[in-house]
Amino acid sequence: MFDLKAFRKANKMTQKDVAKYFGCKQSFISQIENGSRKIPDEYISKVLADPNIIKPEESKPYISAKVIADRENLLSGVPYYDIDITASIKESFNDILERPEFYVDFKPFNDCTAYLPVWGDSMYPTYANGEIVAVKRLLNPGIILWGEAYLIITNAEANNMKTVKLLFPHEDEDKIILRASNPNYKGDTVIPKSSILNLYTIKGKITRKQM
């Protein structure tokens, strides 16, 4: 994933400088850096083709992939991250969206943020152990379809979770209920909404053959 802010700082540029470089408004650069807008593919192409600036592959973490063997994959497709997205509550949140294994060009889900494997069986039969889901970051966490499954990332206040769960409203508007879909996993988990770092909708799942 291209980290525009890190790239800008490495090249000792201001947001105004970057906006001038790409020929856009400074407010657009600000929106990309805060995650509310996606960096256009043509911006990445320009960076990769410019011999006068620090290249993403020359200096981590401007593009925080291992080694970019195929640049075209960076420009088309969605990154796959082989990280522990567990379908149970687990204290573990380190480097989500940091080191993609590869990119998947599957048009129905190309507007997604990432592909991730789901481990555990607390979400069975909705999502079985080892299945791969396509997730898309929810920019407005206030718009939640209750009873639907989401990938939820929390801070230490809620034990640094990264988990797939069904979400339900709590009687306290400042809290939210996480629930498994597998009836063998009884009991709800209640967390404060303020502990949510990121929330992702699950647009669907794919087989490894489609990757």
Protein backbone atom coordinates (compact mmCIF):
# COMPACT_ATOMS: atom_id res chain seq x y z
CA MET A 1 0.00 0.00 0.00
CA PHE A 2 1.36 3.41 -0.98
CA ASP A 3 1.94 5.60 2.09
CA LEU A 4 1.68 9.13 0.69
CA LYS A 5 2.52 10.85 3.96
CA ALA A 6 5.71 8.83 4.46
CA PHE A 7 6.64 9.42 0.82
CA ARG A 8 6.07 13.18 1.22
CA LYS A 9 8.21 13.40 4.33
CA ALA A 10 10.99 11.35 2.77
CA ASN A 11 11.15 13.82 -0.08
CA LYS A 12 10.89 16.78 2.34
CA MET A 13 7.72 18.06 0.70
CA THR A 14 4.73 19.87 2.15
CA GLN A 15 1.17 18.93 1.24
CA LYS A 16 1.15 22.03 -0.97
CA ASP A 17 4.30 20.78 -2.75
CA VAL A 18 2.74 17.35 -3.30
CA ALA A 19 -0.48 18.90 -4.61
CA LYS A 20 1.53 20.96 -7.09
CA TYR A 21 3.53 17.87 -8.10
CA PHE A 22 0.37 15.90 -8.89
CA GLY A 23 -1.61 18.88 -10.19
CA CYS A 24 -4.42 18.70 -7.65
CA LYS A 25 -5.75 20.62 -4.66
CA GLN A 26 -4.00 20.47 -1.29
CA SER A 27 -7.29 19.37 0.32
CA PHE A 28 -7.25 16.24 -1.87
CA ILE A 29 -3.76 15.35 -0.64
CA SER A 30 -4.95 15.85 2.94
CA GLN A 31 -7.90 13.51 2.33
CA ILE A 32 -5.60 10.82 0.93
CA GLU A 33 -3.30 11.07 3.95
CA ASN A 34 -6.13 10.80 6.47
CA GLY A 35 -7.58 7.78 4.68
CA SER A 36 -10.85 9.30 3.45
CA ARG A 37 -9.78 9.15 -0.22
CA LYS A 38 -7.82 6.60 -2.21
CA ILE A 39 -4.68 7.69 -4.02
CA PRO A 40 -5.30 7.52 -7.81
CA ASP A 41 -3.38 4.90 -9.74
CA GLU A 42 -1.95 7.56 -12.06
CA TYR A 43 -0.28 9.27 -9.08
CA ILE A 44 1.51 6.04 -8.20
CA SER A 45 2.51 5.59 -11.84
CA LYS A 46 4.02 9.08 -11.88
CA VAL A 47 6.04 8.39 -8.73
CA LEU A 48 7.38 5.12 -10.10
CA ALA A 49 8.39 6.76 -13.37
CA ASP A 50 10.06 9.87 -11.89
CA PRO A 51 13.88 9.50 -11.70
CA ASN A 52 14.35 12.62 -9.57
CA ILE A 53 12.64 11.55 -6.36
CA ILE A 54 12.95 8.74 -3.81
CA LYS A 55 11.32 5.66 -5.24
CA PRO A 56 8.88 3.70 -3.05
CA GLU A 57 10.81 0.45 -3.52
CA GLU A 58 14.05 2.18 -2.53
CA SER A 59 12.89 3.25 0.89
CA LYS A 60 10.44 1.40 3.16
CA PRO A 61 7.68 1.88 4.16
CA TYR A 62 6.55 4.15 1.31
CA ILE A 63 5.20 1.08 -0.38
CA SER A 64 5.29 -1.43 2.41
CA ALA A 65 5.36 -4.60 0.33
CA LYS A 66 8.23 -7.09 0.37
CA VAL A 67 9.86 -6.50 -3.00
CA ILE A 68 7.73 -5.35 -5.91
CA ALA A 69 8.41 -7.96 -8.56
CA ASP A 70 5.51 -6.94 -10.76
CA ARG A 71 4.67 -3.22 -10.74
CA GLU A 72 1.49 -3.75 -12.70
CA ASN A 73 0.04 -5.70 -9.80
CA LEU A 74 0.51 -2.65 -7.61
CA LEU A 75 -1.57 -0.55 -9.98
CA SER A 76 -4.42 -3.02 -10.53
CA GLY A 77 -5.85 -5.31 -7.92
CA VAL A 78 -6.31 -5.59 -4.19
CA PRO A 79 -3.57 -6.67 -1.74
CA TYR A 80 -3.77 -10.02 0.03
CA TYR A 81 -2.42 -10.10 3.59
CA ASP A 82 -1.65 -13.46 5.15
CA ILE A 83 -2.13 -12.26 8.71
CA ASP A 84 -3.99 -13.64 11.68
CA ILE A 85 -7.52 -12.33 11.32
CA THR A 86 -9.13 -14.61 13.82
CA ALA A 87 -12.79 -15.38 14.17
CA SER A 88 -12.34 -15.39 17.93
CA ILE A 89 -11.43 -12.64 20.35
CA LYS A 90 -7.66 -12.46 20.53
CA GLU A 91 -5.23 -9.85 21.74
CA SER A 92 -3.09 -9.28 18.69
CA PHE A 93 -2.83 -6.25 16.42
CA ASN A 94 0.52 -5.52 14.88
CA ASP A 95 0.88 -4.70 11.22
CA ILE A 96 -2.42 -5.06 9.43
CA LEU A 97 -2.19 -3.67 5.91
CA GLU A 98 1.62 -3.50 6.07
CA ARG A 99 3.06 -6.43 4.11
CA PRO A 100 0.91 -7.76 1.27
CA GLU A 101 1.86 -11.17 -0.07
CA PHE A 102 0.55 -10.34 -3.55
CA TYR A 103 -2.28 -8.53 -5.35
CA VAL A 104 -5.55 -10.02 -6.57
CA ASP A 105 -7.21 -8.65 -9.70
CA PHE A 106 -10.80 -9.85 -9.33
CA LYS A 107 -13.05 -7.15 -10.79
CA PRO A 108 -16.15 -7.66 -8.59
CA PHE A 109 -14.06 -6.83 -5.51
CA ASN A 110 -11.48 -4.40 -6.93
CA ASP A 111 -12.94 -1.53 -4.88
CA CYS A 112 -12.04 -3.36 -1.65
CA THR A 113 -9.21 -2.54 0.74
CA ALA A 114 -7.76 -6.02 1.20
CA TYR A 115 -8.18 -9.79 1.10
CA LEU A 116 -7.67 -11.64 4.38
CA PRO A 117 -7.99 -15.24 5.60
CA VAL A 118 -10.37 -15.87 8.49
CA TRP A 119 -9.20 -18.39 11.10
CA GLY A 120 -11.29 -20.20 13.67
CA ASP A 121 -14.85 -21.48 13.53
CA SER A 122 -16.82 -19.05 15.71
CA MET A 123 -18.27 -17.47 12.54
CA TYR A 124 -19.22 -20.80 10.94
CA PRO A 125 -21.25 -21.33 8.76
CA THR A 126 -21.07 -17.71 7.56
CA TYR A 127 -17.29 -17.92 7.25
CA ALA A 128 -15.45 -21.21 7.60
CA ASN A 129 -11.93 -21.62 8.94
CA GLY A 130 -9.39 -20.61 6.29
CA GLU A 131 -11.82 -18.87 3.95
CA ILE A 132 -10.65 -15.67 2.30
CA VAL A 133 -12.78 -12.54 2.59
CA ALA A 134 -12.69 -9.25 0.73
CA VAL A 135 -13.00 -6.30 3.09
CA LYS A 136 -13.54 -2.60 2.47
CA ARG A 137 -12.77 0.08 5.01
CA LEU A 138 -15.85 1.81 6.34
CA LEU A 139 -15.11 5.53 6.25
CA ASN A 140 -18.23 6.40 8.24
CA PRO A 141 -18.43 4.02 11.24
CA GLY A 142 -21.77 5.60 12.12
CA ILE A 143 -23.38 3.72 9.24
CA ILE A 144 -23.54 0.12 10.45
CA LEU A 145 -25.94 -2.55 9.22
CA TRP A 146 -26.79 -4.25 12.50
CA GLY A 147 -26.63 -8.03 12.43
CA GLU A 148 -24.07 -8.06 9.60
CA ALA A 149 -20.49 -9.32 9.89
CA TYR A 150 -17.61 -6.84 9.99
CA LEU A 151 -13.87 -6.96 10.47
CA ILE A 152 -13.25 -4.84 13.54
CA ILE A 153 -9.89 -3.50 14.73
CA THR A 154 -9.64 -2.07 18.25
CA ASN A 155 -7.08 -0.40 20.46
CA ALA A 156 -5.75 -1.57 23.83
CA GLU A 157 -8.92 -0.39 25.58
CA ALA A 158 -10.65 -3.37 23.95
CA ASN A 159 -7.67 -5.75 24.04
CA ASN A 160 -6.22 -4.90 20.63
CA MET A 161 -8.65 -7.10 18.77
CA LYS A 162 -8.74 -7.83 15.07
CA THR A 163 -11.72 -10.07 14.61
CA VAL A 164 -14.69 -10.87 12.40
CA LYS A 165 -17.96 -10.61 14.29
CA LEU A 166 -21.64 -9.78 13.89
CA LEU A 167 -22.36 -6.29 15.22
CA PHE A 168 -25.40 -5.31 17.24
CA PRO A 169 -26.47 -2.10 19.01
CA HIS A 170 -26.12 -1.82 22.78
CA GLU A 171 -28.59 -0.07 25.07
CA ASP A 172 -25.73 2.31 25.84
CA GLU A 173 -25.20 4.27 22.60
CA ASP A 174 -21.49 4.59 23.38
CA LYS A 175 -21.02 0.81 23.27
CA ILE A 176 -21.40 -1.94 20.70
CA ILE A 177 -22.04 -5.70 20.87
CA LEU A 178 -19.86 -8.28 19.10
CA ARG A 179 -21.40 -11.70 18.57
CA ALA A 180 -20.37 -14.99 16.93
CA SER A 181 -22.62 -16.60 14.32
CA ASN A 182 -21.76 -20.12 15.47
CA PRO A 183 -24.34 -21.12 18.12
CA ASN A 184 -21.67 -23.14 19.92
CA TYR A 185 -19.96 -19.86 20.86
CA LYS A 186 -22.37 -18.32 23.34
CA GLY A 187 -22.10 -14.96 25.02
CA ASP A 188 -21.63 -11.43 23.73
CA THR A 189 -18.61 -9.17 23.88
CA VAL A 190 -19.34 -5.52 24.63
CA ILE A 191 -16.80 -2.83 23.78
CA PRO A 192 -16.86 0.98 23.78
CA LYS A 193 -17.24 2.53 20.34
CA SER A 194 -14.29 4.80 21.14
CA SER A 195 -11.98 1.76 21.14
CA ILE A 196 -12.61 1.06 17.45
CA LEU A 197 -9.61 1.94 15.30
CA ASN A 198 -10.96 0.70 11.97
CA LEU A 199 -14.09 -1.02 10.76
CA TYR A 200 -14.34 -2.97 7.50
CA THR A 201 -17.40 -4.24 5.68
CA ILE A 202 -17.10 -7.76 4.27
CA LYS A 203 -18.13 -7.60 0.63
CA GLY A 204 -17.77 -11.31 0.00
CA LYS A 205 -15.41 -14.25 -0.09
CA ILE A 206 -13.37 -15.95 -2.76
CA THR A 207 -11.72 -19.31 -3.26
CA ARG A 208 -7.98 -19.71 -3.64
CA LYS A 209 -8.58 -20.70 -7.27
CA GLN A 210 -9.96 -17.20 -7.94
CA MET A 211 -6.75 -15.67 -6.59
